[in-house]
PDB file of N, CA and C in Angstrom:
ATOM      1  N   MET A   1      -1.848   0.610 -12.268  1.00  0.00           N
ATOM      2  CA  MET A   1      -3.031  -0.124 -12.641  1.00  0.00           C
ATOM      3  C   MET A   1      -4.223   0.469 -11.896  1.00  0.00           C
ATOM      4  N   LYS A   2      -5.307   0.616 -12.592  1.00  0.00           N
ATOM      5  CA  LYS A   2      -6.511   1.223 -12.032  1.00  0.00           C
ATOM      6  C   LYS A   2      -7.652   0.204 -12.028  1.00  0.00           C
ATOM      7  N   ILE A   3      -8.514   0.369 -11.073  1.00  0.00           N
ATOM      8  CA  ILE A   3      -9.707  -0.477 -11.004  1.00  0.00           C
ATOM      9  C   ILE A   3     -10.927   0.395 -11.257  1.00  0.00           C
ATOM     10  N   ASN A   4     -11.725  -0.033 -12.216  1.00  0.00           N
ATOM     11  CA  ASN A   4     -12.989   0.642 -12.514  1.00  0.00           C
ATOM     12  C   ASN A   4     -14.119  -0.239 -12.003  1.00  0.00           C
ATOM     13  N   PHE A   5     -14.871   0.273 -11.047  1.00  0.00           N
ATOM     14  CA  PHE A   5     -16.007  -0.473 -10.530  1.00  0.00           C
ATOM     15  C   PHE A   5     -17.209  -0.219 -11.440  1.00  0.00           C
ATOM     16  N   ILE A   6     -17.822  -1.307 -11.862  1.00  0.00           N
ATOM     17  CA  ILE A   6     -18.939  -1.239 -12.805  1.00  0.00           C
ATOM     18  C   ILE A   6     -20.216  -1.694 -12.106  1.00  0.00           C
ATOM     19  N   TYR A   7     -21.258  -0.889 -12.256  1.00  0.00           N
ATOM     20  CA  TYR A   7     -22.573  -1.232 -11.731  1.00  0.00           C
ATOM     21  C   TYR A   7     -23.479  -1.452 -12.936  1.00  0.00           C
ATOM     22  N   SER A   8     -23.707  -2.704 -13.280  1.00  0.00           N
ATOM     23  CA  SER A   8     -24.516  -3.037 -14.450  1.00  0.00           C
ATOM     24  C   SER A   8     -25.765  -3.785 -14.004  1.00  0.00           C
ATOM     25  N   LYS A   9     -26.875  -3.107 -14.090  1.00  0.00           N
ATOM     26  CA  LYS A   9     -28.141  -3.739 -13.707  1.00  0.00           C
ATOM     27  C   LYS A   9     -28.454  -4.915 -14.633  1.00  0.00           C
ATOM     28  N   ILE A  10     -28.081  -4.806 -15.908  1.00  0.00           N
ATOM     29  CA  ILE A  10     -28.323  -5.899 -16.856  1.00  0.00           C
ATOM     30  C   ILE A  10     -27.532  -7.139 -16.445  1.00  0.00           C
ATOM     31  N   TYR A  11     -26.254  -6.962 -16.084  1.00  0.00           N
ATOM     32  CA  TYR A  11     -25.422  -8.087 -15.656  1.00  0.00           C
ATOM     33  C   TYR A  11     -25.972  -8.688 -14.362  1.00  0.00           C
ATOM     34  N   PHE A  12     -26.350  -7.827 -13.436  1.00  0.00           N
ATOM     35  CA  PHE A  12     -26.951  -8.250 -12.171  1.00  0.00           C
ATOM     36  C   PHE A  12     -28.190  -9.111 -12.416  1.00  0.00           C
ATOM     37  N   LYS A  13     -29.077  -8.635 -13.288  1.00  0.00           N
ATOM     38  CA  LYS A  13     -30.297  -9.391 -13.590  1.00  0.00           C
ATOM     39  C   LYS A  13     -29.981 -10.699 -14.305  1.00  0.00           C
ATOM     40  N   SER A  14     -28.986 -10.660 -15.177  1.00  0.00           N
ATOM     41  CA  SER A  14     -28.610 -11.869 -15.918  1.00  0.00           C
ATOM     42  C   SER A  14     -28.083 -12.949 -14.975  1.00  0.00           C
ATOM     43  N   LEU A  15     -27.240 -12.583 -14.032  1.00  0.00           N
ATOM     44  CA  LEU A  15     -26.714 -13.560 -13.073  1.00  0.00           C
ATOM     45  C   LEU A  15     -27.817 -14.173 -12.224  1.00  0.00           C
ATOM     46  N   ASN A  16     -28.856 -13.402 -11.995  1.00  0.00           N
ATOM     47  CA  ASN A  16     -29.917 -13.836 -11.091  1.00  0.00           C
ATOM     48  C   ASN A  16     -31.203 -14.255 -11.791  1.00  0.00           C
ATOM     49  N   ARG A  17     -31.125 -14.515 -13.086  1.00  0.00           N
ATOM     50  CA  ARG A  17     -32.361 -14.824 -13.809  1.00  0.00           C
ATOM     51  C   ARG A  17     -33.020 -16.119 -13.347  1.00  0.00           C
ATOM     52  N   PHE A  18     -32.251 -17.051 -12.779  1.00  0.00           N
ATOM     53  CA  PHE A  18     -32.829 -18.310 -12.317  1.00  0.00           C
ATOM     54  C   PHE A  18     -32.806 -18.454 -10.792  1.00  0.00           C
ATOM     55  N   ASN A  19     -32.300 -17.434 -10.111  1.00  0.00           N
ATOM     56  CA  ASN A  19     -32.169 -17.505  -8.651  1.00  0.00           C
ATOM     57  C   ASN A  19     -32.801 -16.290  -7.994  1.00  0.00           C
ATOM     58  N   ARG A  20     -33.315 -16.509  -6.834  1.00  0.00           N
ATOM     59  CA  ARG A  20     -33.860 -15.396  -6.056  1.00  0.00           C
ATOM     60  C   ARG A  20     -32.808 -14.949  -5.061  1.00  0.00           C
ATOM     61  N   ILE A  21     -32.638 -13.664  -4.945  1.00  0.00           N
ATOM     62  CA  ILE A  21     -31.739 -13.098  -3.953  1.00  0.00           C
ATOM     63  C   ILE A  21     -32.525 -12.111  -3.106  1.00  0.00           C
ATOM     64  N   THR A  22     -31.989 -11.779  -1.949  1.00  0.00           N
ATOM     65  CA  THR A  22     -32.720 -10.896  -1.050  1.00  0.00           C
ATOM     66  C   THR A  22     -32.362  -9.427  -1.232  1.00  0.00           C
ATOM     67  N   ARG A  23     -31.187  -9.139  -1.779  1.00  0.00           N
ATOM     68  CA  ARG A  23     -30.779  -7.741  -1.948  1.00  0.00           C
ATOM     69  C   ARG A  23     -31.345  -7.161  -3.245  1.00  0.00           C
ATOM     70  N   SER A  24     -31.793  -5.935  -3.142  1.00  0.00           N
ATOM     71  CA  SER A  24     -32.255  -5.222  -4.329  1.00  0.00           C
ATOM     72  C   SER A  24     -31.061  -4.604  -5.047  1.00  0.00           C
ATOM     73  N   TRP A  25     -31.288  -4.160  -6.260  1.00  0.00           N
ATOM     74  CA  TRP A  25     -30.252  -3.483  -7.035  1.00  0.00           C
ATOM     75  C   TRP A  25     -29.770  -2.229  -6.299  1.00  0.00           C
ATOM     76  N   GLU A  26     -30.673  -1.528  -5.661  1.00  0.00           N
ATOM     77  CA  GLU A  26     -30.305  -0.321  -4.908  1.00  0.00           C
ATOM     78  C   GLU A  26     -29.380  -0.666  -3.734  1.00  0.00           C
ATOM     79  N   GLU A  27     -29.654  -1.777  -3.058  1.00  0.00           N
ATOM     80  CA  GLU A  27     -28.786  -2.217  -1.960  1.00  0.00           C
ATOM     81  C   GLU A  27     -27.396  -2.593  -2.462  1.00  0.00           C
ATOM     82  N   VAL A  28     -27.347  -3.248  -3.610  1.00  0.00           N
ATOM     83  CA  VAL A  28     -26.059  -3.620  -4.204  1.00  0.00           C
ATOM     84  C   VAL A  28     -25.229  -2.365  -4.455  1.00  0.00           C
ATOM     85  N   LYS A  29     -25.844  -1.356  -5.058  1.00  0.00           N
ATOM     86  CA  LYS A  29     -25.129  -0.110  -5.346  1.00  0.00           C
ATOM     87  C   LYS A  29     -24.687   0.589  -4.057  1.00  0.00           C
ATOM     88  N   LYS A  30     -25.531   0.574  -3.049  1.00  0.00           N
ATOM     89  CA  LYS A  30     -25.199   1.231  -1.780  1.00  0.00           C
ATOM     90  C   LYS A  30     -23.993   0.556  -1.119  1.00  0.00           C
ATOM     91  N   ILE A  31     -24.004  -0.770  -1.050  1.00  0.00           N
ATOM     92  CA  ILE A  31     -22.886  -1.508  -0.446  1.00  0.00           C
ATOM     93  C   ILE A  31     -21.622  -1.317  -1.283  1.00  0.00           C
ATOM     94  N   GLY A  32     -21.759  -1.404  -2.603  1.00  0.00           N
ATOM     95  CA  GLY A  32     -20.613  -1.227  -3.483  1.00  0.00           C
ATOM     96  C   GLY A  32     -19.970   0.139  -3.329  1.00  0.00           C
ATOM     97  N   ARG A  33     -20.757   1.162  -3.272  1.00  0.00           N
ATOM     98  CA  ARG A  33     -20.213   2.523  -3.120  1.00  0.00           C
ATOM     99  C   ARG A  33     -19.565   2.720  -1.748  1.00  0.00           C
ATOM    100  N   ALA A  34     -20.154   2.110  -0.728  1.00  0.00           N
ATOM    101  CA  ALA A  34     -19.535   2.178   0.609  1.00  0.00           C
ATOM    102  C   ALA A  34     -18.172   1.481   0.595  1.00  0.00           C
ATOM    103  N   PHE A  35     -18.096   0.346  -0.085  1.00  0.00           N
ATOM    104  CA  PHE A  35     -16.838  -0.387  -0.221  1.00  0.00           C
ATOM    105  C   PHE A  35     -15.797   0.460  -0.951  1.00  0.00           C
ATOM    106  N   GLU A  36     -16.187   1.032  -2.073  1.00  0.00           N
ATOM    107  CA  GLU A  36     -15.264   1.876  -2.843  1.00  0.00           C
ATOM    108  C   GLU A  36     -14.727   3.026  -1.992  1.00  0.00           C
ATOM    109  N   LYS A  37     -15.615   3.690  -1.299  1.00  0.00           N
ATOM    110  CA  LYS A  37     -15.229   4.850  -0.492  1.00  0.00           C
ATOM    111  C   LYS A  37     -14.300   4.443   0.649  1.00  0.00           C
ATOM    112  N   LYS A  38     -14.651   3.382   1.338  1.00  0.00           N
ATOM    113  CA  LYS A  38     -13.879   2.969   2.509  1.00  0.00           C
ATOM    114  C   LYS A  38     -12.475   2.484   2.135  1.00  0.00           C
ATOM    115  N   TYR A  39     -12.347   1.767   1.016  1.00  0.00           N
ATOM    116  CA  TYR A  39     -11.077   1.117   0.696  1.00  0.00           C
ATOM    117  C   TYR A  39     -10.350   1.683  -0.520  1.00  0.00           C
ATOM    118  N   GLN A  40     -10.752   2.845  -1.010  1.00  0.00           N
ATOM    119  CA  GLN A  40     -10.102   3.377  -2.208  1.00  0.00           C
ATOM    120  C   GLN A  40      -8.592   3.543  -2.035  1.00  0.00           C
ATOM    121  N   ASP A  41      -8.136   4.048  -0.911  1.00  0.00           N
ATOM    122  CA  ASP A  41      -6.692   4.224  -0.690  1.00  0.00           C
ATOM    123  C   ASP A  41      -5.977   2.882  -0.568  1.00  0.00           C
ATOM    124  N   GLU A  42      -6.578   1.941   0.141  1.00  0.00           N
ATOM    125  CA  GLU A  42      -5.978   0.623   0.300  1.00  0.00           C
ATOM    126  C   GLU A  42      -5.901  -0.112  -1.036  1.00  0.00           C
ATOM    127  N   ILE A  43      -6.936   0.006  -1.849  1.00  0.00           N
ATOM    128  CA  ILE A  43      -6.941  -0.655  -3.148  1.00  0.00           C
ATOM    129  C   ILE A  43      -5.810  -0.109  -4.018  1.00  0.00           C
ATOM    130  N   LYS A  44      -5.613   1.192  -3.980  1.00  0.00           N
ATOM    131  CA  LYS A  44      -4.524   1.802  -4.749  1.00  0.00           C
ATOM    132  C   LYS A  44      -3.176   1.254  -4.289  1.00  0.00           C
ATOM    133  N   LYS A  45      -2.974   1.194  -2.979  1.00  0.00           N
ATOM    134  CA  LYS A  45      -1.707   0.675  -2.435  1.00  0.00           C
ATOM    135  C   LYS A  45      -1.515  -0.801  -2.803  1.00  0.00           C
ATOM    136  N   ILE A  46      -2.585  -1.561  -2.683  1.00  0.00           N
ATOM    137  CA  ILE A  46      -2.514  -2.999  -2.980  1.00  0.00           C
ATOM    138  C   ILE A  46      -2.142  -3.222  -4.440  1.00  0.00           C
ATOM    139  N   THR A  47      -2.759  -2.462  -5.340  1.00  0.00           N
ATOM    140  CA  THR A  47      -2.466  -2.657  -6.762  1.00  0.00           C
ATOM    141  C   THR A  47      -1.055  -2.198  -7.124  1.00  0.00           C
ATOM    142  N   GLU A  48      -0.470  -1.368  -6.302  1.00  0.00           N
ATOM    143  CA  GLU A  48       0.918  -0.956  -6.527  1.00  0.00           C
ATOM    144  C   GLU A  48       1.905  -1.976  -5.966  1.00  0.00           C
ATOM    145  N   ILE A  49       1.568  -2.589  -4.860  1.00  0.00           N
ATOM    146  CA  ILE A  49       2.520  -3.480  -4.198  1.00  0.00           C
ATOM    147  C   ILE A  49       2.498  -4.908  -4.747  1.00  0.00           C
ATOM    148  N   ILE A  50       1.373  -5.383  -5.231  1.00  0.00           N
ATOM    149  CA  ILE A  50       1.291  -6.767  -5.721  1.00  0.00           C
ATOM    150  C   ILE A  50       2.357  -7.070  -6.772  1.00  0.00           C
ATOM    151  N   PRO A  51       2.518  -6.245  -7.818  1.00  0.00           N
ATOM    152  CA  PRO A  51       3.548  -6.569  -8.821  1.00  0.00           C
ATOM    153  C   PRO A  51       4.969  -6.567  -8.245  1.00  0.00           C
ATOM    154  N   LYS A  52       5.201  -5.755  -7.243  1.00  0.00           N
ATOM    155  CA  LYS A  52       6.527  -5.724  -6.610  1.00  0.00           C
ATOM    156  C   LYS A  52       6.797  -7.020  -5.857  1.00  0.00           C
ATOM    157  N   ILE A  53       5.803  -7.520  -5.185  1.00  0.00           N
ATOM    158  CA  ILE A  53       5.956  -8.769  -4.423  1.00  0.00           C
ATOM    159  C   ILE A  53       6.104  -9.952  -5.374  1.00  0.00           C
ATOM    160  N   ILE A  54       5.284  -9.998  -6.400  1.00  0.00           N
ATOM    161  CA  ILE A  54       5.270 -11.120  -7.334  1.00  0.00           C
ATOM    162  C   ILE A  54       6.412 -11.018  -8.359  1.00  0.00           C
ATOM    163  N   LYS A  55       6.909  -9.801  -8.531  1.00  0.00           N
ATOM    164  CA  LYS A  55       7.988  -9.532  -9.498  1.00  0.00           C
ATOM    165  C   LYS A  55       7.543  -9.783 -10.938  1.00  0.00           C
ATOM    166  N   LYS A  56       6.308  -9.412 -11.204  1.00  0.00           N
ATOM    167  CA  LYS A  56       5.747  -9.455 -12.551  1.00  0.00           C
ATOM    168  C   LYS A  56       4.857  -8.229 -12.702  1.00  0.00           C
ATOM    169  N   PRO A  57       4.782  -7.682 -13.907  1.00  0.00           N
ATOM    170  CA  PRO A  57       3.883  -6.535 -14.109  1.00  0.00           C
ATOM    171  C   PRO A  57       2.438  -6.986 -14.303  1.00  0.00           C
ATOM    172  N   TRP A  58       1.525  -6.063 -14.104  1.00  0.00           N
ATOM    173  CA  TRP A  58       0.135  -6.328 -14.449  1.00  0.00           C
ATOM    174  C   TRP A  58       0.054  -6.531 -15.957  1.00  0.00           C
ATOM    175  N   ARG A  59      -0.854  -7.351 -16.412  1.00  0.00           N
ATOM    176  CA  ARG A  59      -1.032  -7.585 -17.847  1.00  0.00           C
ATOM    177  C   ARG A  59      -1.812  -6.457 -18.510  1.00  0.00           C
ATOM    178  N   ARG A  60      -2.480  -5.665 -17.741  1.00  0.00           N
ATOM    179  CA  ARG A  60      -3.307  -4.595 -18.303  1.00  0.00           C
ATOM    180  C   ARG A  60      -3.215  -3.339 -17.448  1.00  0.00           C
ATOM    181  N   ASP A  61      -3.705  -2.253 -17.996  1.00  0.00           N
ATOM    182  CA  ASP A  61      -3.641  -0.971 -17.300  1.00  0.00           C
ATOM    183  C   ASP A  61      -4.801  -0.770 -16.334  1.00  0.00           C
ATOM    184  N   TYR A  62      -5.868  -1.517 -16.538  1.00  0.00           N
ATOM    185  CA  TYR A  62      -7.021  -1.379 -15.655  1.00  0.00           C
ATOM    186  C   TYR A  62      -7.815  -2.683 -15.622  1.00  0.00           C
ATOM    187  N   PHE A  63      -8.595  -2.832 -14.579  1.00  0.00           N
ATOM    188  CA  PHE A  63      -9.536  -3.947 -14.441  1.00  0.00           C
ATOM    189  C   PHE A  63     -10.917  -3.354 -14.291  1.00  0.00           C
ATOM    190  N   GLU A  64     -11.872  -3.990 -14.915  1.00  0.00           N
ATOM    191  CA  GLU A  64     -13.265  -3.658 -14.664  1.00  0.00           C
ATOM    192  C   GLU A  64     -13.774  -4.684 -13.665  1.00  0.00           C
ATOM    193  N   VAL A  65     -14.331  -4.187 -12.574  1.00  0.00           N
ATOM    194  CA  VAL A  65     -14.851  -5.052 -11.515  1.00  0.00           C
ATOM    195  C   VAL A  65     -16.351  -4.823 -11.424  1.00  0.00           C
ATOM    196  N   TYR A  66     -17.100  -5.871 -11.740  1.00  0.00           N
ATOM    197  CA  TYR A  66     -18.557  -5.793 -11.673  1.00  0.00           C
ATOM    198  C   TYR A  66     -18.998  -6.096 -10.258  1.00  0.00           C
ATOM    199  N   LEU A  67     -19.769  -5.196  -9.686  1.00  0.00           N
ATOM    200  CA  LEU A  67     -20.305  -5.392  -8.339  1.00  0.00           C
ATOM    201  C   LEU A  67     -21.736  -5.896  -8.453  1.00  0.00           C
ATOM    202  N   VAL A  68     -21.975  -7.052  -7.851  1.00  0.00           N
ATOM    203  CA  VAL A  68     -23.284  -7.707  -7.958  1.00  0.00           C
ATOM    204  C   VAL A  68     -23.612  -8.415  -6.649  1.00  0.00           C
ATOM    205  N   ASP A  69     -24.788  -8.950  -6.608  1.00  0.00           N
ATOM    206  CA  ASP A  69     -25.138  -9.931  -5.583  1.00  0.00           C
ATOM    207  C   ASP A  69     -25.781 -11.078  -6.338  1.00  0.00           C
ATOM    208  N   TRP A  70     -25.444 -12.263  -5.927  1.00  0.00           N
ATOM    209  CA  TRP A  70     -26.046 -13.454  -6.504  1.00  0.00           C
ATOM    210  C   TRP A  70     -25.746 -14.629  -5.600  1.00  0.00           C
ATOM    211  N   ASN A  71     -26.268 -15.811  -5.904  1.00  0.00           N
ATOM    212  CA  ASN A  71     -26.094 -16.977  -5.038  1.00  0.00           C
ATOM    213  C   ASN A  71     -24.731 -17.630  -5.166  1.00  0.00           C
ATOM    214  N   GLY A  72     -23.981 -17.301  -6.178  1.00  0.00           N
ATOM    215  CA  GLY A  72     -22.660 -17.892  -6.386  1.00  0.00           C
ATOM    216  C   GLY A  72     -21.551 -17.061  -5.766  1.00  0.00           C
ATOM    217  N   PRO A  73     -20.305 -17.481  -5.993  1.00  0.00           N
ATOM    218  CA  PRO A  73     -19.154 -16.771  -5.433  1.00  0.00           C
ATOM    219  C   PRO A  73     -18.690 -15.645  -6.362  1.00  0.00           C
ATOM    220  N   SER A  74     -17.739 -14.874  -5.898  1.00  0.00           N
ATOM    221  CA  SER A  74     -17.040 -13.920  -6.758  1.00  0.00           C
ATOM    222  C   SER A  74     -16.179 -14.736  -7.714  1.00  0.00           C
ATOM    223  N   PHE A  75     -15.851 -14.168  -8.866  1.00  0.00           N
ATOM    224  CA  PHE A  75     -14.978 -14.872  -9.794  1.00  0.00           C
ATOM    225  C   PHE A  75     -14.166 -13.868 -10.606  1.00  0.00           C
ATOM    226  N   SER A  76     -13.159 -14.382 -11.318  1.00  0.00           N
ATOM    227  CA  SER A  76     -12.164 -13.502 -11.915  1.00  0.00           C
ATOM    228  C   SER A  76     -12.334 -13.185 -13.399  1.00  0.00           C
ATOM    229  N   HIS A  77     -13.220 -13.870 -14.106  1.00  0.00           N
ATOM    230  CA  HIS A  77     -13.351 -13.567 -15.521  1.00  0.00           C
ATOM    231  C   HIS A  77     -14.793 -13.666 -15.980  1.00  0.00           C
ATOM    232  N   PRO A  78     -15.491 -12.561 -16.216  1.00  0.00           N
ATOM    233  CA  PRO A  78     -15.039 -11.205 -15.919  1.00  0.00           C
ATOM    234  C   PRO A  78     -14.989 -11.008 -14.409  1.00  0.00           C
ATOM    235  N   LEU A  79     -14.114 -10.147 -13.960  1.00  0.00           N
ATOM    236  CA  LEU A  79     -13.923  -9.987 -12.523  1.00  0.00           C
ATOM    237  C   LEU A  79     -15.232  -9.484 -11.915  1.00  0.00           C
ATOM    238  N   THR A  80     -15.849 -10.343 -11.130  1.00  0.00           N
ATOM    239  CA  THR A  80     -17.163 -10.104 -10.551  1.00  0.00           C
ATOM    240  C   THR A  80     -17.060 -10.257  -9.048  1.00  0.00           C
ATOM    241  N   LEU A  81     -17.346  -9.176  -8.345  1.00  0.00           N
ATOM    242  CA  LEU A  81     -17.219  -9.147  -6.895  1.00  0.00           C
ATOM    243  C   LEU A  81     -18.607  -9.120  -6.272  1.00  0.00           C
ATOM    244  N   LYS A  82     -18.861 -10.134  -5.474  1.00  0.00           N
ATOM    245  CA  LYS A  82     -20.147 -10.239  -4.786  1.00  0.00           C
ATOM    246  C   LYS A  82     -20.142  -9.275  -3.597  1.00  0.00           C
ATOM    247  N   VAL A  83     -21.177  -8.434  -3.495  1.00  0.00           N
ATOM    248  CA  VAL A  83     -21.243  -7.502  -2.372  1.00  0.00           C
ATOM    249  C   VAL A  83     -21.607  -8.259  -1.102  1.00  0.00           C
ATOM    250  N   ARG A  84     -21.048  -7.771  -0.010  1.00  0.00           N
ATOM    251  CA  ARG A  84     -21.273  -8.389   1.301  1.00  0.00           C
ATOM    252  C   ARG A  84     -21.336  -7.295   2.356  1.00  0.00           C
ATOM    253  N   GLU A  85     -21.969  -7.597   3.449  1.00  0.00           N
ATOM    254  CA  GLU A  85     -21.984  -6.640   4.558  1.00  0.00           C
ATOM    255  C   GLU A  85     -20.578  -6.436   5.112  1.00  0.00           C
ATOM    256  N   ASP A  86     -19.779  -7.482   5.095  1.00  0.00           N
ATOM    257  CA  ASP A  86     -18.401  -7.429   5.580  1.00  0.00           C
ATOM    258  C   ASP A  86     -17.514  -6.852   4.474  1.00  0.00           C
ATOM    259  N   LEU A  87     -17.260  -5.546   4.527  1.00  0.00           N
ATOM    260  CA  LEU A  87     -16.499  -4.874   3.485  1.00  0.00           C
ATOM    261  C   LEU A  87     -15.037  -5.309   3.454  1.00  0.00           C
ATOM    262  N   LEU A  88     -14.478  -5.642   4.609  1.00  0.00           N
ATOM    263  CA  LEU A  88     -13.096  -6.123   4.641  1.00  0.00           C
ATOM    264  C   LEU A  88     -12.983  -7.459   3.910  1.00  0.00           C
ATOM    265  N   LEU A  89     -13.953  -8.322   4.087  1.00  0.00           N
ATOM    266  CA  LEU A  89     -13.964  -9.591   3.355  1.00  0.00           C
ATOM    267  C   LEU A  89     -14.048  -9.336   1.851  1.00  0.00           C
ATOM    268  N   MET A  90     -14.814  -8.345   1.444  1.00  0.00           N
ATOM    269  CA  MET A  90     -14.872  -7.990   0.025  1.00  0.00           C
ATOM    270  C   MET A  90     -13.493  -7.590  -0.491  1.00  0.00           C
ATOM    271  N   LEU A  91     -12.748  -6.845   0.317  1.00  0.00           N
ATOM    272  CA  LEU A  91     -11.398  -6.428  -0.085  1.00  0.00           C
ATOM    273  C   LEU A  91     -10.486  -7.636  -0.256  1.00  0.00           C
ATOM    274  N   VAL A  92     -10.542  -8.558   0.681  1.00  0.00           N
ATOM    275  CA  VAL A  92      -9.715  -9.766   0.612  1.00  0.00           C
ATOM    276  C   VAL A  92     -10.073 -10.578  -0.634  1.00  0.00           C
ATOM    277  N   ILE A  93     -11.337 -10.711  -0.919  1.00  0.00           N
ATOM    278  CA  ILE A  93     -11.775 -11.469  -2.093  1.00  0.00           C
ATOM    279  C   ILE A  93     -11.352 -10.753  -3.380  1.00  0.00           C
ATOM    280  N   LEU A  94     -11.430  -9.430  -3.388  1.00  0.00           N
ATOM    281  CA  LEU A  94     -10.978  -8.672  -4.553  1.00  0.00           C
ATOM    282  C   LEU A  94      -9.498  -8.945  -4.826  1.00  0.00           C
ATOM    283  N   VAL A  95      -8.674  -8.909  -3.790  1.00  0.00           N
ATOM    284  CA  VAL A  95      -7.243  -9.188  -3.953  1.00  0.00           C
ATOM    285  C   VAL A  95      -7.050 -10.602  -4.497  1.00  0.00           C
ATOM    286  N   HIS A  96      -7.760 -11.552  -3.948  1.00  0.00           N
ATOM    287  CA  HIS A  96      -7.676 -12.936  -4.415  1.00  0.00           C
ATOM    288  C   HIS A  96      -7.991 -13.022  -5.917  1.00  0.00           C
ATOM    289  N   GLU A  97      -9.075 -12.394  -6.329  1.00  0.00           N
ATOM    290  CA  GLU A  97      -9.471 -12.450  -7.738  1.00  0.00           C
ATOM    291  C   GLU A  97      -8.461 -11.728  -8.619  1.00  0.00           C
ATOM    292  N   LEU A  98      -7.888 -10.632  -8.153  1.00  0.00           N
ATOM    293  CA  LEU A  98      -6.862  -9.929  -8.929  1.00  0.00           C
ATOM    294  C   LEU A  98      -5.625 -10.808  -9.128  1.00  0.00           C
ATOM    295  N   LEU A  99      -5.286 -11.592  -8.122  1.00  0.00           N
ATOM    296  CA  LEU A  99      -4.109 -12.456  -8.220  1.00  0.00           C
ATOM    297  C   LEU A  99      -4.252 -13.512  -9.306  1.00  0.00           C
ATOM    298  N   HIS A 100      -5.467 -13.856  -9.650  1.00  0.00           N
ATOM    299  CA  HIS A 100      -5.674 -14.799 -10.752  1.00  0.00           C
ATOM    300  C   HIS A 100      -5.040 -14.287 -12.038  1.00  0.00           C
ATOM    301  N   ASP A 101      -4.978 -12.978 -12.199  1.00  0.00           N
ATOM    302  CA  ASP A 101      -4.372 -12.407 -13.400  1.00  0.00           C
ATOM    303  C   ASP A 101      -2.911 -12.830 -13.544  1.00  0.00           C
ATOM    304  N   PHE A 102      -2.228 -13.049 -12.463  1.00  0.00           N
ATOM    305  CA  PHE A 102      -0.820 -13.429 -12.510  1.00  0.00           C
ATOM    306  C   PHE A 102      -0.626 -14.928 -12.701  1.00  0.00           C
ATOM    307  N   TYR A 103      -1.578 -15.719 -12.267  1.00  0.00           N
ATOM    308  CA  TYR A 103      -1.358 -17.157 -12.227  1.00  0.00           C
ATOM    309  C   TYR A 103      -2.223 -17.982 -13.168  1.00  0.00           C
ATOM    310  N   PHE A 104      -3.371 -17.483 -13.562  1.00  0.00           N
ATOM    311  CA  PHE A 104      -4.264 -18.305 -14.367  1.00  0.00           C
ATOM    312  C   PHE A 104      -4.527 -17.769 -15.763  1.00  0.00           C
ATOM    313  N   PHE A 105      -4.226 -16.527 -16.020  1.00  0.00           N
ATOM    314  CA  PHE A 105      -4.551 -15.961 -17.321  1.00  0.00           C
ATOM    315  C   PHE A 105      -3.316 -15.558 -18.115  1.00  0.00           C
ATOM    316  N   ARG A 106      -2.209 -16.178 -17.845  1.00  0.00           N
ATOM    317  CA  ARG A 106      -1.010 -15.996 -18.657  1.00  0.00           C
ATOM    318  C   ARG A 106      -0.862 -17.258 -19.496  1.00  0.00           C
ATOM    319  N   ASP A 107      -0.516 -17.130 -20.727  1.00  0.00           N
ATOM    320  CA  ASP A 107      -0.538 -18.253 -21.676  1.00  0.00           C
ATOM    321  C   ASP A 107       0.116 -19.518 -21.151  1.00  0.00           C
ATOM    322  N   LYS A 108       1.329 -19.430 -20.617  1.00  0.00           N
ATOM    323  CA  LYS A 108       2.013 -20.651 -20.192  1.00  0.00           C
ATOM    324  C   LYS A 108       1.298 -21.329 -19.026  1.00  0.00           C
ATOM    325  N   ASN A 109       0.658 -20.570 -18.166  1.00  0.00           N
ATOM    326  CA  ASN A 109      -0.035 -21.154 -17.024  1.00  0.00           C
ATOM    327  C   ASN A 109      -1.371 -21.771 -17.421  1.00  0.00           C
ATOM    328  N   ILE A 110      -1.990 -21.241 -18.447  1.00  0.00           N
ATOM    329  CA  ILE A 110      -3.255 -21.827 -18.886  1.00  0.00           C
ATOM    330  C   ILE A 110      -3.023 -23.283 -19.320  1.00  0.00           C
ATOM    331  N   LYS A 111      -1.944 -23.530 -20.020  1.00  0.00           N
ATOM    332  CA  LYS A 111      -1.637 -24.890 -20.455  1.00  0.00           C
ATOM    333  C   LYS A 111      -1.419 -25.808 -19.271  1.00  0.00           C
ATOM    334  N   LYS A 112      -0.752 -25.322 -18.235  1.00  0.00           N
ATOM    335  CA  LYS A 112      -0.511 -26.153 -17.049  1.00  0.00           C
ATOM    336  C   LYS A 112      -1.815 -26.490 -16.360  1.00  0.00           C
ATOM    337  N   VAL A 113      -2.703 -25.536 -16.242  1.00  0.00           N
ATOM    338  CA  VAL A 113      -3.985 -25.794 -15.592  1.00  0.00           C
ATOM    339  C   VAL A 113      -4.790 -26.775 -16.415  1.00  0.00           C
ATOM    340  N   GLU A 114      -4.799 -26.643 -17.734  1.00  0.00           N
ATOM    341  CA  GLU A 114      -5.539 -27.566 -18.580  1.00  0.00           C
ATOM    342  C   GLU A 114      -5.004 -28.981 -18.474  1.00  0.00           C
ATOM    343  N   LYS A 115      -3.723 -29.177 -18.308  1.00  0.00           N
ATOM    344  CA  LYS A 115      -3.134 -30.509 -18.227  1.00  0.00           C
ATOM    345  C   LYS A 115      -3.571 -31.250 -16.963  1.00  0.00           C
ATOM    346  N   ARG A 116      -3.938 -30.516 -15.931  1.00  0.00           N
ATOM    347  CA  ARG A 116      -4.341 -31.160 -14.665  1.00  0.00           C
ATOM    348  C   ARG A 116      -5.694 -31.828 -14.786  1.00  0.00           C
ATOM    349  N   ASP A 117      -6.521 -31.374 -15.696  1.00  0.00           N
ATOM    350  CA  ASP A 117      -7.879 -31.921 -15.810  1.00  0.00           C
ATOM    351  C   ASP A 117      -7.899 -33.249 -16.420  1.00  0.00           C
TER     352      ASP A 117
END
């Protein structure tokens, strides 16, 4: 499974159309690229080991991960990772959001989550 990091200025602006943020688009790209460079090997290892631990395959061959900054949290659909100065925290949050693919976006689990509401 591969992760494609996406830098979409349109998506960034759309998320922030009603909110003010302090980071510029250039800062978002700089932090995102630093994150990619620093953790590329770890991300590859993590994406290989998760299915072995969970004993389920990935549902897809790749994930698109949008790197943005905004006032809200990171989320899994579409997988949107909020940039942070703490790159290790970004890695932990990325893993968390990837795990949603195993537990929240499989047909049988969607029904279980809906029943709780």
